[in-house]
Amino acid sequence: MPKLLKLMIFWVIIFPVTLTGAAVLAELLFGAKFEFVHYVPIFLGWAITGMLVGLVIYIIQKRNLIRH
């Protein structure tokens, strides 16, 4: 699997799902009512953040490989 694809799968899918799951778990532990619609914006925000972070990490790693 190409390096960019691995990075993007992690940062766009696994990272946001983990953080959104933690937010849902925290809300449930504090006794709040779970509504799926409230967590869609949270997931999408983390997914966009993950896309940006994944691309930045890929570019940094690629530049470091070229220099060596």
PDB file of N, CA and C in Angstrom:
ATOM      1  N   MET A   1       0.848  -1.171   0.000  1.00  0.00           N
ATOM      2  CA  MET A   1       0.000   0.000   0.000  1.00  0.00           C
ATOM      3  C   MET A   1       0.899   1.240   0.000  1.00  0.00           C
ATOM      4  N   PRO A   2       0.624   2.213  -0.855  1.00  0.00           N
ATOM      5  CA  PRO A   2       1.457   3.416  -0.900  1.00  0.00           C
ATOM      6  C   PRO A   2       1.440   4.166   0.429  1.00  0.00           C
ATOM      7  N   LYS A   3       2.548   4.838   0.683  1.00  0.00           N
ATOM      8  CA  LYS A   3       2.706   5.544   1.947  1.00  0.00           C
ATOM      9  C   LYS A   3       1.637   6.620   2.142  1.00  0.00           C
ATOM     10  N   LEU A   4       1.332   7.383   1.077  1.00  0.00           N
ATOM     11  CA  LEU A   4       0.316   8.429   1.188  1.00  0.00           C
ATOM     12  C   LEU A   4      -1.045   7.832   1.531  1.00  0.00           C
ATOM     13  N   LEU A   5      -1.387   6.707   0.929  1.00  0.00           N
ATOM     14  CA  LEU A   5      -2.678   6.080   1.185  1.00  0.00           C
ATOM     15  C   LEU A   5      -2.784   5.620   2.640  1.00  0.00           C
ATOM     16  N   LYS A   6      -1.709   5.041   3.179  1.00  0.00           N
ATOM     17  CA  LYS A   6      -1.715   4.613   4.581  1.00  0.00           C
ATOM     18  C   LYS A   6      -1.903   5.802   5.517  1.00  0.00           C
ATOM     19  N   LEU A   7      -1.156   6.863   5.249  1.00  0.00           N
ATOM     20  CA  LEU A   7      -1.279   8.061   6.083  1.00  0.00           C
ATOM     21  C   LEU A   7      -2.686   8.639   6.022  1.00  0.00           C
ATOM     22  N   MET A   8      -3.237   8.727   4.836  1.00  0.00           N
ATOM     23  CA  MET A   8      -4.550   9.336   4.690  1.00  0.00           C
ATOM     24  C   MET A   8      -5.643   8.463   5.301  1.00  0.00           C
ATOM     25  N   ILE A   9      -5.529   7.146   5.193  1.00  0.00           N
ATOM     26  CA  ILE A   9      -6.522   6.269   5.829  1.00  0.00           C
ATOM     27  C   ILE A   9      -6.488   6.469   7.334  1.00  0.00           C
ATOM     28  N   PHE A  10      -5.290   6.551   7.902  1.00  0.00           N
ATOM     29  CA  PHE A  10      -5.203   6.756   9.342  1.00  0.00           C
ATOM     30  C   PHE A  10      -5.782   8.104   9.742  1.00  0.00           C
ATOM     31  N   TRP A  11      -5.315   9.183   9.104  1.00  0.00           N
ATOM     32  CA  TRP A  11      -5.682  10.528   9.535  1.00  0.00           C
ATOM     33  C   TRP A  11      -7.096  10.930   9.145  1.00  0.00           C
ATOM     34  N   VAL A  12      -7.673  10.318   8.113  1.00  0.00           N
ATOM     35  CA  VAL A  12      -9.011  10.712   7.672  1.00  0.00           C
ATOM     36  C   VAL A  12     -10.094   9.791   8.217  1.00  0.00           C
ATOM     37  N   ILE A  13      -9.759   8.542   8.519  1.00  0.00           N
ATOM     38  CA  ILE A  13     -10.782   7.607   8.990  1.00  0.00           C
ATOM     39  C   ILE A  13     -10.565   7.222  10.454  1.00  0.00           C
ATOM     40  N   ILE A  14      -9.415   6.669  10.771  1.00  0.00           N
ATOM     41  CA  ILE A  14      -9.176   6.130  12.114  1.00  0.00           C
ATOM     42  C   ILE A  14      -9.099   7.237  13.165  1.00  0.00           C
ATOM     43  N   PHE A  15      -8.361   8.301  12.888  1.00  0.00           N
ATOM     44  CA  PHE A  15      -8.217   9.419  13.826  1.00  0.00           C
ATOM     45  C   PHE A  15      -9.571  10.058  14.177  1.00  0.00           C
ATOM     46  N   PRO A  16     -10.397  10.454  13.187  1.00  0.00           N
ATOM     47  CA  PRO A  16     -11.681  11.066  13.532  1.00  0.00           C
ATOM     48  C   PRO A  16     -12.651  10.106  14.222  1.00  0.00           C
ATOM     49  N   VAL A  17     -12.655   8.843  13.799  1.00  0.00           N
ATOM     50  CA  VAL A  17     -13.554   7.876  14.434  1.00  0.00           C
ATOM     51  C   VAL A  17     -13.177   7.690  15.902  1.00  0.00           C
ATOM     52  N   THR A  18     -11.884   7.633  16.184  1.00  0.00           N
ATOM     53  CA  THR A  18     -11.423   7.468  17.563  1.00  0.00           C
ATOM     54  C   THR A  18     -11.813   8.666  18.419  1.00  0.00           C
ATOM     55  N   LEU A  19     -11.571   9.868  17.929  1.00  0.00           N
ATOM     56  CA  LEU A  19     -11.898  11.066  18.708  1.00  0.00           C
ATOM     57  C   LEU A  19     -13.397  11.275  18.856  1.00  0.00           C
ATOM     58  N   THR A  20     -14.153  10.979  17.813  1.00  0.00           N
ATOM     59  CA  THR A  20     -15.612  11.102  17.910  1.00  0.00           C
ATOM     60  C   THR A  20     -16.155  10.050  18.869  1.00  0.00           C
ATOM     61  N   GLY A  21     -15.603   8.853  18.822  1.00  0.00           N
ATOM     62  CA  GLY A  21     -16.006   7.815  19.772  1.00  0.00           C
ATOM     63  C   GLY A  21     -15.708   8.213  21.206  1.00  0.00           C
ATOM     64  N   ALA A  22     -14.567   8.867  21.420  1.00  0.00           N
ATOM     65  CA  ALA A  22     -14.228   9.351  22.764  1.00  0.00           C
ATOM     66  C   ALA A  22     -15.213  10.429  23.204  1.00  0.00           C
ATOM     67  N   ALA A  23     -15.622  11.299  22.290  1.00  0.00           N
ATOM     68  CA  ALA A  23     -16.605  12.336  22.631  1.00  0.00           C
ATOM     69  C   ALA A  23     -17.961  11.721  22.981  1.00  0.00           C
ATOM     70  N   VAL A  24     -18.370  10.719  22.212  1.00  0.00           N
ATOM     71  CA  VAL A  24     -19.628  10.029  22.500  1.00  0.00           C
ATOM     72  C   VAL A  24     -19.553   9.335  23.849  1.00  0.00           C
ATOM     73  N   LEU A  25     -18.458   8.649  24.103  1.00  0.00           N
ATOM     74  CA  LEU A  25     -18.291   7.950  25.376  1.00  0.00           C
ATOM     75  C   LEU A  25     -18.307   8.923  26.552  1.00  0.00           C
ATOM     76  N   ALA A  26     -17.643  10.058  26.408  1.00  0.00           N
ATOM     77  CA  ALA A  26     -17.634  11.059  27.480  1.00  0.00           C
ATOM     78  C   ALA A  26     -19.045  11.583  27.736  1.00  0.00           C
ATOM     79  N   GLU A  27     -19.798  11.843  26.681  1.00  0.00           N
ATOM     80  CA  GLU A  27     -21.172  12.322  26.851  1.00  0.00           C
ATOM     81  C   GLU A  27     -22.042  11.270  27.538  1.00  0.00           C
ATOM     82  N   LEU A  28     -21.855  10.012  27.146  1.00  0.00           N
ATOM     83  CA  LEU A  28     -22.654   8.949  27.770  1.00  0.00           C
ATOM     84  C   LEU A  28     -22.285   8.752  29.232  1.00  0.00           C
ATOM     85  N   LEU A  29     -21.001   8.905  29.556  1.00  0.00           N
ATOM     86  CA  LEU A  29     -20.576   8.767  30.948  1.00  0.00           C
ATOM     87  C   LEU A  29     -21.131   9.881  31.826  1.00  0.00           C
ATOM     88  N   PHE A  30     -21.316  11.060  31.257  1.00  0.00           N
ATOM     89  CA  PHE A  30     -21.871  12.180  32.014  1.00  0.00           C
ATOM     90  C   PHE A  30     -23.392  12.200  31.995  1.00  0.00           C
ATOM     91  N   GLY A  31     -23.988  11.209  31.383  1.00  0.00           N
ATOM     92  CA  GLY A  31     -25.428  11.046  31.421  1.00  0.00           C
ATOM     93  C   GLY A  31     -26.199  11.810  30.361  1.00  0.00           C
ATOM     94  N   ALA A  32     -25.533  12.325  29.366  1.00  0.00           N
ATOM     95  CA  ALA A  32     -26.233  13.053  28.302  1.00  0.00           C
ATOM     96  C   ALA A  32     -26.898  12.078  27.345  1.00  0.00           C
ATOM     97  N   LYS A  33     -27.913  12.578  26.674  1.00  0.00           N
ATOM     98  CA  LYS A  33     -28.631  11.756  25.706  1.00  0.00           C
ATOM     99  C   LYS A  33     -27.823  11.686  24.411  1.00  0.00           C
ATOM    100  N   PHE A  34     -27.719  10.489  23.833  1.00  0.00           N
ATOM    101  CA  PHE A  34     -26.956  10.306  22.599  1.00  0.00           C
ATOM    102  C   PHE A  34     -27.848  10.544  21.395  1.00  0.00           C
ATOM    103  N   GLU A  35     -27.436  11.487  20.551  1.00  0.00           N
ATOM    104  CA  GLU A  35     -28.102  11.716  19.274  1.00  0.00           C
ATOM    105  C   GLU A  35     -27.030  11.758  18.200  1.00  0.00           C
ATOM    106  N   PHE A  36     -27.168  10.872  17.229  1.00  0.00           N
ATOM    107  CA  PHE A  36     -26.161  10.716  16.180  1.00  0.00           C
ATOM    108  C   PHE A  36     -25.892  12.017  15.428  1.00  0.00           C
ATOM    109  N   VAL A  37     -26.942  12.790  15.179  1.00  0.00           N
ATOM    110  CA  VAL A  37     -26.838  14.005  14.376  1.00  0.00           C
ATOM    111  C   VAL A  37     -25.892  15.023  15.016  1.00  0.00           C
ATOM    112  N   HIS A  38     -25.794  15.039  16.321  1.00  0.00           N
ATOM    113  CA  HIS A  38     -24.927  15.996  16.999  1.00  0.00           C
ATOM    114  C   HIS A  38     -23.448  15.700  16.783  1.00  0.00           C
ATOM    115  N   TYR A  39     -23.103  14.476  16.442  1.00  0.00           N
ATOM    116  CA  TYR A  39     -21.701  14.099  16.310  1.00  0.00           C
ATOM    117  C   TYR A  39     -21.202  14.095  14.873  1.00  0.00           C
ATOM    118  N   VAL A  40     -22.086  14.305  13.911  1.00  0.00           N
ATOM    119  CA  VAL A  40     -21.673  14.377  12.508  1.00  0.00           C
ATOM    120  C   VAL A  40     -20.736  15.564  12.269  1.00  0.00           C
ATOM    121  N   PRO A  41     -21.053  16.776  12.756  1.00  0.00           N
ATOM    122  CA  PRO A  41     -20.120  17.889  12.557  1.00  0.00           C
ATOM    123  C   PRO A  41     -18.774  17.674  13.248  1.00  0.00           C
ATOM    124  N   ILE A  42     -18.800  17.032  14.397  1.00  0.00           N
ATOM    125  CA  ILE A  42     -17.544  16.748  15.105  1.00  0.00           C
ATOM    126  C   ILE A  42     -16.686  15.808  14.259  1.00  0.00           C
ATOM    127  N   PHE A  43     -17.306  14.752  13.737  1.00  0.00           N
ATOM    128  CA  PHE A  43     -16.568  13.807  12.905  1.00  0.00           C
ATOM    129  C   PHE A  43     -16.020  14.480  11.650  1.00  0.00           C
ATOM    130  N   LEU A  44     -16.835  15.278  10.978  1.00  0.00           N
ATOM    131  CA  LEU A  44     -16.391  15.933   9.755  1.00  0.00           C
ATOM    132  C   LEU A  44     -15.268  16.927  10.027  1.00  0.00           C
ATOM    133  N   GLY A  45     -15.355  17.629  11.143  1.00  0.00           N
ATOM    134  CA  GLY A  45     -14.284  18.558  11.508  1.00  0.00           C
ATOM    135  C   GLY A  45     -12.973  17.840  11.751  1.00  0.00           C
ATOM    136  N   TRP A  46     -13.023  16.729  12.467  1.00  0.00           N
ATOM    137  CA  TRP A  46     -11.798  15.953  12.706  1.00  0.00           C
ATOM    138  C   TRP A  46     -11.287  15.329  11.418  1.00  0.00           C
ATOM    139  N   ALA A  47     -12.187  14.943  10.515  1.00  0.00           N
ATOM    140  CA  ALA A  47     -11.755  14.366   9.236  1.00  0.00           C
ATOM    141  C   ALA A  47     -11.018  15.404   8.391  1.00  0.00           C
ATOM    142  N   ILE A  48     -11.521  16.626   8.359  1.00  0.00           N
ATOM    143  CA  ILE A  48     -10.836  17.687   7.612  1.00  0.00           C
ATOM    144  C   ILE A  48      -9.494  18.000   8.253  1.00  0.00           C
ATOM    145  N   THR A  49      -9.467  18.064   9.574  1.00  0.00           N
ATOM    146  CA  THR A  49      -8.204  18.274  10.282  1.00  0.00           C
ATOM    147  C   THR A  49      -7.238  17.140   9.978  1.00  0.00           C
ATOM    148  N   GLY A  50      -7.733  15.915   9.955  1.00  0.00           N
ATOM    149  CA  GLY A  50      -6.886  14.764   9.642  1.00  0.00           C
ATOM    150  C   GLY A  50      -6.336  14.819   8.233  1.00  0.00           C
ATOM    151  N   MET A  51      -7.132  15.318   7.288  1.00  0.00           N
ATOM    152  CA  MET A  51      -6.629  15.453   5.917  1.00  0.00           C
ATOM    153  C   MET A  51      -5.459  16.430   5.871  1.00  0.00           C
ATOM    154  N   LEU A  52      -5.614  17.542   6.543  1.00  0.00           N
ATOM    155  CA  LEU A  52      -4.544  18.538   6.555  1.00  0.00           C
ATOM    156  C   LEU A  52      -3.295  18.013   7.258  1.00  0.00           C
ATOM    157  N   VAL A  53      -3.476  17.393   8.407  1.00  0.00           N
ATOM    158  CA  VAL A  53      -2.336  16.849   9.155  1.00  0.00           C
ATOM    159  C   VAL A  53      -1.653  15.743   8.358  1.00  0.00           C
ATOM    160  N   GLY A  54      -2.438  14.864   7.743  1.00  0.00           N
ATOM    161  CA  GLY A  54      -1.865  13.782   6.948  1.00  0.00           C
ATOM    162  C   GLY A  54      -1.038  14.296   5.787  1.00  0.00           C
ATOM    163  N   LEU A  55      -1.539  15.306   5.087  1.00  0.00           N
ATOM    164  CA  LEU A  55      -0.780  15.866   3.976  1.00  0.00           C
ATOM    165  C   LEU A  55       0.494  16.560   4.444  1.00  0.00           C
ATOM    166  N   VAL A  56       0.413  17.281   5.549  1.00  0.00           N
ATOM    167  CA  VAL A  56       1.606  17.947   6.079  1.00  0.00           C
ATOM    168  C   VAL A  56       2.660  16.924   6.487  1.00  0.00           C
ATOM    169  N   ILE A  57       2.251  15.868   7.169  1.00  0.00           N
ATOM    170  CA  ILE A  57       3.198  14.826   7.575  1.00  0.00           C
ATOM    171  C   ILE A  57       3.811  14.157   6.350  1.00  0.00           C
ATOM    172  N   TYR A  58       3.002  13.883   5.333  1.00  0.00           N
ATOM    173  CA  TYR A  58       3.514  13.265   4.110  1.00  0.00           C
ATOM    174  C   TYR A  58       4.538  14.171   3.432  1.00  0.00           C
ATOM    175  N   ILE A  59       4.235  15.454   3.330  1.00  0.00           N
ATOM    176  CA  ILE A  59       5.162  16.390   2.686  1.00  0.00           C
ATOM    177  C   ILE A  59       6.465  16.490   3.474  1.00  0.00           C
ATOM    178  N   ILE A  60       6.377  16.542   4.793  1.00  0.00           N
ATOM    179  CA  ILE A  60       7.578  16.614   5.619  1.00  0.00           C
ATOM    180  C   ILE A  60       8.417  15.353   5.448  1.00  0.00           C
ATOM    181  N   GLN A  61       7.782  14.187   5.473  1.00  0.00           N
ATOM    182  CA  GLN A  61       8.522  12.938   5.304  1.00  0.00           C
ATOM    183  C   GLN A  61       9.146  12.858   3.917  1.00  0.00           C
ATOM    184  N   LYS A  62       8.432  13.301   2.906  1.00  0.00           N
ATOM    185  CA  LYS A  62       8.944  13.261   1.544  1.00  0.00           C
ATOM    186  C   LYS A  62      10.142  14.193   1.400  1.00  0.00           C
ATOM    187  N   ARG A  63      10.077  15.374   1.963  1.00  0.00           N
ATOM    188  CA  ARG A  63      11.204  16.317   1.889  1.00  0.00           C
ATOM    189  C   ARG A  63      12.422  15.771   2.629  1.00  0.00           C
ATOM    190  N   ASN A  64      12.192  15.097   3.747  1.00  0.00           N
ATOM    191  CA  ASN A  64      13.323  14.515   4.505  1.00  0.00           C
ATOM    192  C   ASN A  64      13.958  13.390   3.737  1.00  0.00           C
ATOM    193  N   LEU A  65      13.191  12.591   2.981  1.00  0.00           N
ATOM    194  CA  LEU A  65      13.753  11.513   2.183  1.00  0.00           C
ATOM    195  C   LEU A  65      14.572  12.054   1.022  1.00  0.00           C
ATOM    196  N   ILE A  66      14.142  13.152   0.435  1.00  0.00           N
ATOM    197  CA  ILE A  66      14.868  13.748  -0.686  1.00  0.00           C
ATOM    198  C   ILE A  66      16.196  14.319  -0.222  1.00  0.00           C
ATOM    199  N   ARG A  67      16.233  14.911   0.941  1.00  0.00           N
ATOM    200  CA  ARG A  67      17.463  15.534   1.449  1.00  0.00           C
ATOM    201  C   ARG A  67      18.553  14.512   1.751  1.00  0.00           C
ATOM    202  N   HIS A  68      18.155  13.327   2.199  1.00  0.00           N
ATOM    203  CA  HIS A  68      19.155  12.339   2.610  1.00  0.00           C
ATOM    204  C   HIS A  68      19.698  11.675   1.409  1.00  0.00           C
TER     205      HIS A  68
END
